[in-house]
Amino acid sequence: MTSGKATGTASSAEMLAADIYRERVVIMLQNAVSCAIGIDEDAVADEGVILQEIGDTVHLAGAAARAQVNIIGNTASLTYQTGDVEVSLNGYLA
């Protein structure tokens, strides 16, 4: 499991390289700049999977999670985590 941050640019850029062993990816938008995501292809502004609001999230699994993930969105700020995501609320698993 890995986690990280990425910042979008005005052109399509790789956020995650392809990984044949990766099974899950969660990507979350951290600021109010929209971001398009390309899965195993270049990201194209305002097309495909688009995160627009702070907190918008996309979950990738299987072949989509193993693919190269590209982003476009000038100054868009994202975080990502690979692997299973576990959330704890007041000590209880959600």
Protein backbone atom coordinates (compact mmCIF):
# COMPACT_ATOMS: atom_id res chain seq x y z
CA MET A 1 0.00 0.00 0.00
CA THR A 2 1.30 3.44 -0.94
CA SER A 3 -0.08 6.93 -0.72
CA GLY A 4 0.98 10.21 -2.22
CA LYS A 5 0.10 13.60 -3.62
CA ALA A 6 -0.03 14.90 -7.16
CA THR A 7 -0.52 18.30 -8.75
CA GLY A 8 -2.13 18.60 -12.16
CA THR A 9 -0.68 20.63 -15.01
CA ALA A 10 -2.07 22.13 -18.22
CA SER A 11 -1.18 18.95 -20.10
CA SER A 12 -1.69 15.25 -19.38
CA ALA A 13 0.86 13.93 -16.88
CA GLU A 14 1.42 10.55 -15.26
CA MET A 15 0.23 10.31 -11.67
CA LEU A 16 0.72 6.54 -11.24
CA ALA A 17 2.74 4.19 -13.42
CA ALA A 18 1.14 0.91 -14.44
CA ASP A 19 1.59 -1.84 -11.85
CA ILE A 20 0.48 -5.42 -12.55
CA TYR A 21 0.20 -6.13 -8.81
CA ARG A 22 -1.99 -3.16 -7.83
CA GLU A 23 -5.63 -4.08 -7.13
CA ARG A 24 -7.14 -0.82 -5.80
CA VAL A 25 -6.57 2.92 -6.08
CA VAL A 26 -8.52 5.74 -4.41
CA ILE A 27 -7.99 9.27 -5.77
CA MET A 28 -9.40 12.37 -4.03
CA LEU A 29 -9.48 16.01 -5.15
CA GLN A 30 -8.09 18.35 -2.48
CA ASN A 31 -8.83 21.79 -3.95
CA ALA A 32 -11.50 23.51 -6.05
CA VAL A 33 -9.72 23.05 -9.40
CA SER A 34 -11.31 20.41 -11.62
CA CYS A 35 -9.20 17.50 -12.78
CA ALA A 36 -9.74 14.92 -15.52
CA ILE A 37 -8.32 11.42 -15.18
CA GLY A 38 -7.15 9.18 -18.00
CA ILE A 39 -6.93 5.46 -17.31
CA ASP A 40 -4.32 3.83 -19.56
CA GLU A 41 -4.55 6.84 -21.88
CA ASP A 42 -3.77 10.55 -21.85
CA ALA A 43 -6.10 12.62 -19.70
CA VAL A 44 -8.15 15.14 -21.72
CA ALA A 45 -9.53 18.30 -20.10
CA ASP A 46 -13.28 18.09 -19.39
CA GLU A 47 -13.56 14.51 -20.70
CA GLY A 48 -13.80 11.08 -19.10
CA VAL A 49 -13.60 10.79 -15.32
CA ILE A 50 -13.73 14.33 -13.89
CA LEU A 51 -13.32 15.40 -10.27
CA GLN A 52 -14.78 18.89 -9.73
CA GLU A 53 -15.54 19.55 -6.08
CA ILE A 54 -13.24 19.33 -3.06
CA GLY A 55 -13.53 15.78 -1.74
CA ASP A 56 -14.68 14.23 -5.02
CA THR A 57 -13.28 10.70 -5.08
CA VAL A 58 -12.83 7.92 -7.62
CA HIS A 59 -12.18 4.28 -6.71
CA LEU A 60 -10.38 2.11 -9.27
CA ALA A 61 -10.24 -1.68 -9.00
CA GLY A 62 -8.92 -4.57 -11.04
CA ALA A 63 -7.62 -3.74 -14.53
CA ALA A 64 -8.31 0.00 -14.09
CA ALA A 65 -6.25 0.07 -10.88
CA ARG A 66 -3.36 -1.73 -12.58
CA ALA A 67 -3.29 0.69 -15.52
CA GLN A 68 -1.25 3.88 -15.84
CA VAL A 69 -3.22 6.80 -14.38
CA ASN A 70 -2.80 10.24 -15.96
CA ILE A 71 -4.24 13.58 -14.83
CA ILE A 72 -4.83 17.02 -16.31
CA GLY A 73 -6.00 20.13 -14.44
CA ASN A 74 -3.76 23.14 -13.99
CA THR A 75 -2.92 23.35 -10.24
CA ALA A 76 -5.44 20.65 -9.28
CA SER A 77 -4.27 19.02 -6.05
CA LEU A 78 -4.95 15.31 -5.51
CA THR A 79 -4.10 12.60 -3.02
CA TYR A 80 -4.08 8.90 -3.76
CA GLN A 81 -3.81 5.63 -1.93
CA THR A 82 -3.28 2.17 -3.34
CA GLY A 83 -4.51 -1.01 -1.68
CA ASP A 84 -7.49 -1.41 0.61
CA VAL A 85 -8.71 1.70 2.41
CA GLU A 86 -9.85 1.30 6.00
CA VAL A 87 -11.74 4.06 7.79
CA SER A 88 -12.01 4.26 11.57
CA LEU A 89 -14.60 6.45 13.29
CA ASN A 90 -14.17 6.80 17.05
CA GLY A 91 -12.34 3.50 17.16
CA TYR A 92 -14.93 1.58 15.15
CA LEU A 93 -14.38 0.38 11.61
CA ALA A 94 -16.79 2.02 9.19
